[in-house]
């Protein structure tokens, strides 16, 4: 419900009259706040009839003002995304030196886009 509210308020998407369901592969439960941005982009993309490449990974906690919040272990997540073959990442701004180093190293293999807000991420929808 919080992600829907942020999409309505910050992205101007009308969702109040829609039934919104999010299905996760294998029925896994998603309790990591780092999945907020990915879920928001999936919902927005479906509503806008736009999407992301299957080789794009989105990570970030979404705040009530539509801001991308820093997530834990970002450097490790970036490294793992590269190992798994993702070619593009949408992530929050890197703050720690470890995160910056991981992004610089992975940046040679994939395109990394840092997002401050939901609008930054929505601009990546194709």
Protein backbone atom coordinates (compact mmCIF):
# COMPACT_ATOMS: atom_id res chain seq x y z
CA UNK A 1 0.00 0.00 0.00
CA UNK A 2 2.87 2.39 0.77
CA UNK A 3 4.49 1.85 -2.63
CA UNK A 4 1.13 2.45 -4.35
CA UNK A 5 0.68 5.69 -2.39
CA UNK A 6 4.16 6.91 -3.36
CA UNK A 7 3.54 6.08 -7.03
CA UNK A 8 0.27 8.01 -6.97
CA UNK A 9 1.64 11.04 -5.13
CA UNK A 10 5.14 11.31 -6.63
CA UNK A 11 4.74 9.79 -10.10
CA UNK A 12 1.18 10.94 -10.74
CA UNK A 13 -0.02 7.43 -11.57
CA UNK A 14 -3.69 6.77 -10.91
CA UNK A 15 -3.85 3.40 -9.20
CA UNK A 16 -6.65 3.85 -6.67
CA UNK A 17 -9.15 2.29 -9.07
CA UNK A 18 -6.85 -0.66 -9.91
CA UNK A 19 -6.37 -4.06 -8.32
CA UNK A 20 -2.61 -4.41 -7.91
CA UNK A 21 -0.98 -7.80 -7.40
CA UNK A 22 2.75 -8.48 -7.25
CA UNK A 23 3.91 -12.01 -7.96
CA UNK A 24 7.38 -13.13 -6.93
CA UNK A 25 9.12 -16.11 -8.51
CA UNK A 26 8.71 -19.29 -6.51
CA UNK A 27 6.31 -17.68 -4.06
CA UNK A 28 9.17 -16.19 -2.05
CA UNK A 29 8.29 -13.62 0.58
CA UNK A 30 9.92 -10.25 0.00
CA UNK A 31 10.88 -8.53 3.23
CA UNK A 32 14.04 -6.70 2.16
CA UNK A 33 13.40 -2.94 1.82
CA UNK A 34 15.91 -2.96 -1.06
CA UNK A 35 13.13 -4.51 -3.19
CA UNK A 36 10.87 -1.43 -2.84
CA UNK A 37 12.20 0.33 -5.93
CA UNK A 38 12.01 -2.81 -8.09
CA UNK A 39 8.40 -3.40 -7.07
CA UNK A 40 7.54 0.25 -7.70
CA UNK A 41 9.08 0.15 -11.18
CA UNK A 42 7.28 -3.10 -12.00
CA UNK A 43 3.93 -1.58 -11.02
CA UNK A 44 4.63 1.73 -12.78
CA UNK A 45 5.87 -0.04 -15.89
CA UNK A 46 2.74 -2.17 -16.09
CA UNK A 47 0.51 0.88 -15.70
CA UNK A 48 2.49 2.95 -18.22
CA UNK A 49 2.91 -0.01 -20.62
CA UNK A 50 6.69 0.36 -20.46
CA UNK A 51 9.33 -1.83 -18.90
CA UNK A 52 12.95 -2.67 -18.24
CA UNK A 53 15.26 -5.16 -19.92
CA UNK A 54 15.48 -8.56 -18.27
CA UNK A 55 19.19 -7.82 -17.77
CA UNK A 56 18.40 -4.77 -15.59
CA UNK A 57 18.45 -5.00 -11.80
CA UNK A 58 16.83 -2.37 -9.57
CA UNK A 59 17.79 -1.97 -5.90
CA UNK A 60 16.74 0.64 -3.39
CA UNK A 61 14.45 1.40 -0.51
CA UNK A 62 11.74 3.85 -1.48
CA UNK A 63 10.88 6.65 0.95
CA UNK A 64 7.53 8.39 1.35
CA UNK A 65 8.81 11.40 -0.60
CA UNK A 66 9.82 9.18 -3.52
CA UNK A 67 13.50 9.25 -2.63
CA UNK A 68 15.80 6.26 -3.15
CA UNK A 69 17.29 5.43 0.23
CA UNK A 70 20.65 3.84 0.78
CA UNK A 71 20.59 0.06 1.32
CA UNK A 72 22.90 -2.21 3.25
CA UNK A 73 25.70 -4.14 1.56
CA UNK A 74 25.28 -2.24 -1.70
CA UNK A 75 28.85 -3.00 -2.76
CA UNK A 76 28.33 -6.74 -2.31
CA UNK A 77 25.01 -6.57 -4.14
CA UNK A 78 26.62 -4.75 -7.07
CA UNK A 79 29.42 -7.33 -7.26
CA UNK A 80 26.93 -10.20 -7.16
CA UNK A 81 24.80 -8.59 -9.88
CA UNK A 82 27.87 -8.49 -12.11
CA UNK A 83 28.64 -12.13 -11.36
CA UNK A 84 25.06 -13.08 -12.28
CA UNK A 85 25.35 -11.34 -15.64
CA UNK A 86 23.23 -8.22 -15.22
CA UNK A 87 24.22 -5.54 -17.70
CA UNK A 88 22.47 -2.56 -16.12
CA UNK A 89 21.82 -1.51 -12.53
CA UNK A 90 19.59 1.19 -11.06
CA UNK A 91 20.80 1.85 -7.51
CA UNK A 92 20.77 4.56 -4.83
CA UNK A 93 23.64 7.04 -4.64
CA UNK A 94 26.81 5.30 -3.35
CA UNK A 95 27.95 6.69 -0.03
CA UNK A 96 30.57 4.37 1.41
CA UNK A 97 34.01 3.90 -0.10
CA UNK A 98 33.36 0.14 -0.39
CA UNK A 99 30.20 0.80 -2.42
CA UNK A 100 32.03 3.30 -4.62
CA UNK A 101 34.87 0.83 -5.23
CA UNK A 102 32.44 -1.98 -6.11
CA UNK A 103 30.55 0.32 -8.48
CA UNK A 104 33.77 1.45 -10.14
CA UNK A 105 34.92 -2.14 -10.60
CA UNK A 106 31.55 -3.36 -11.87
CA UNK A 107 31.11 -0.26 -14.01
CA UNK A 108 33.56 -1.70 -16.51
CA UNK A 109 31.18 -4.64 -17.11
CA UNK A 110 27.79 -2.99 -16.74
CA UNK A 111 26.02 0.34 -16.86
CA UNK A 112 25.26 1.65 -13.36
CA UNK A 113 22.70 4.43 -13.02
CA UNK A 114 22.42 6.09 -9.63
CA UNK A 115 18.97 7.31 -8.69
CA UNK A 116 18.11 9.95 -6.13
CA UNK A 117 14.36 9.77 -6.69
CA UNK A 118 11.61 7.64 -8.15
CA UNK A 119 11.51 10.03 -11.12
CA UNK A 120 15.15 9.18 -11.91
CA UNK A 121 14.26 5.48 -12.01
CA UNK A 122 11.05 6.00 -14.00
CA UNK A 123 13.10 7.75 -16.68
CA UNK A 124 14.84 4.40 -17.26
CA UNK A 125 11.61 2.67 -18.32
CA UNK A 126 11.65 1.85 -22.03
